[in-house]
Amino acid sequence: MGVAEILATVDREIALLQQVRTLLGGSATAAKKRAGRPRKVAASALKPAKKKRRLTPEGRRKIAEAVKRRWAAQKKAAAAAAK
């Protein structure tokens, strides 16, 4: 067996292994990087969606009462400043 025959056998084995690799893991060209600017990935794909925070009726009532107290204090302060 000469050197040429050994090289031909190795080349056949390499070609066969490349075909098997392509079938099992996708094409070899897909692994190469593309030239140019990378594509943008949608923000929703990167982060999971946040849960929407909902206000309970009790919380809504407490906020309304606090705002009314604040307005009453401002009105009282304005009336005292007007005298």
Protein backbone atom coordinates (compact mmCIF):
# COMPACT_ATOMS: atom_id res chain seq x y z
CA MET A 1 0.00 0.00 0.00
CA GLY A 2 1.53 3.23 -1.14
CA VAL A 3 1.26 6.73 0.26
CA ALA A 4 -1.25 7.74 -2.42
CA GLU A 5 -3.57 4.86 -1.48
CA ILE A 6 -3.36 5.72 2.21
CA LEU A 7 -4.17 9.39 1.48
CA ALA A 8 -7.13 8.33 -0.70
CA THR A 9 -8.45 6.10 2.10
CA VAL A 10 -8.08 8.90 4.66
CA ASP A 11 -9.86 11.34 2.34
CA ARG A 12 -12.74 8.89 1.90
CA GLU A 13 -13.01 8.44 5.67
CA ILE A 14 -12.97 12.23 6.20
CA ALA A 15 -15.72 12.70 3.59
CA LEU A 16 -17.80 9.97 5.22
CA LEU A 17 -17.36 11.47 8.69
CA GLN A 18 -18.30 14.92 7.41
CA GLN A 19 -21.51 13.52 5.92
CA VAL A 20 -22.37 11.82 9.21
CA ARG A 21 -21.60 15.05 11.11
CA THR A 22 -23.88 17.02 8.79
CA LEU A 23 -26.73 14.54 9.26
CA LEU A 24 -26.40 14.44 13.05
CA GLY A 25 -25.60 18.00 13.96
CA GLY A 26 -26.81 20.24 11.17
CA SER A 27 -24.84 21.69 8.33
CA ALA A 28 -21.28 22.92 8.75
CA THR A 29 -22.18 26.28 7.19
CA ALA A 30 -24.76 26.98 9.92
CA ALA A 31 -22.00 27.01 12.53
CA LYS A 32 -20.16 29.85 10.78
CA LYS A 33 -20.71 33.41 11.93
CA ARG A 34 -22.51 35.74 9.60
CA ALA A 35 -20.79 38.87 8.45
CA GLY A 36 -22.23 42.20 9.50
CA ARG A 37 -24.24 43.49 12.38
CA PRO A 38 -25.99 40.94 14.60
CA ARG A 39 -29.75 40.79 14.45
CA LYS A 40 -31.81 42.24 17.28
CA VAL A 41 -33.50 39.77 19.57
CA ALA A 42 -36.98 40.64 20.77
CA ALA A 43 -36.99 41.90 24.36
CA SER A 44 -39.76 39.48 25.26
CA ALA A 45 -37.53 36.60 24.26
CA LEU A 46 -34.81 37.70 26.68
CA LYS A 47 -36.87 38.46 29.79
CA PRO A 48 -39.87 36.64 31.15
CA ALA A 49 -43.00 38.77 31.31
CA LYS A 50 -43.55 40.43 34.68
CA LYS A 51 -46.69 39.62 36.59
CA LYS A 52 -49.17 42.47 36.62
CA ARG A 53 -49.61 43.86 40.09
CA ARG A 54 -53.24 44.32 41.08
CA LEU A 55 -54.54 46.55 43.84
CA THR A 56 -56.97 45.00 46.29
CA PRO A 57 -60.17 46.86 47.19
CA GLU A 58 -58.80 47.34 50.72
CA GLY A 59 -55.59 48.88 49.36
CA ARG A 60 -57.58 51.14 47.04
CA ARG A 61 -59.71 52.29 50.01
CA LYS A 62 -56.62 53.05 52.13
CA ILE A 63 -55.08 55.11 49.34
CA ALA A 64 -58.33 57.07 48.86
CA GLU A 65 -58.51 57.83 52.60
CA ALA A 66 -54.86 58.96 52.68
CA VAL A 67 -55.43 61.29 49.71
CA LYS A 68 -58.52 62.78 51.36
CA ARG A 69 -56.53 63.39 54.59
CA ARG A 70 -53.77 65.05 52.57
CA TRP A 71 -56.22 67.30 50.73
CA ALA A 72 -57.91 68.22 54.03
CA ALA A 73 -54.53 69.14 55.55
CA GLN A 74 -53.61 71.26 52.52
CA LYS A 75 -57.02 73.00 52.61
CA LYS A 76 -56.63 73.67 56.33
CA ALA A 77 -53.12 75.07 55.82
CA ALA A 78 -54.33 77.30 52.97
CA ALA A 79 -57.21 78.60 55.12
CA ALA A 80 -54.83 79.34 57.99
CA ALA A 81 -52.44 81.18 55.66
CA ALA A 82 -55.29 83.28 54.24
CA LYS A 83 -56.23 84.71 57.68
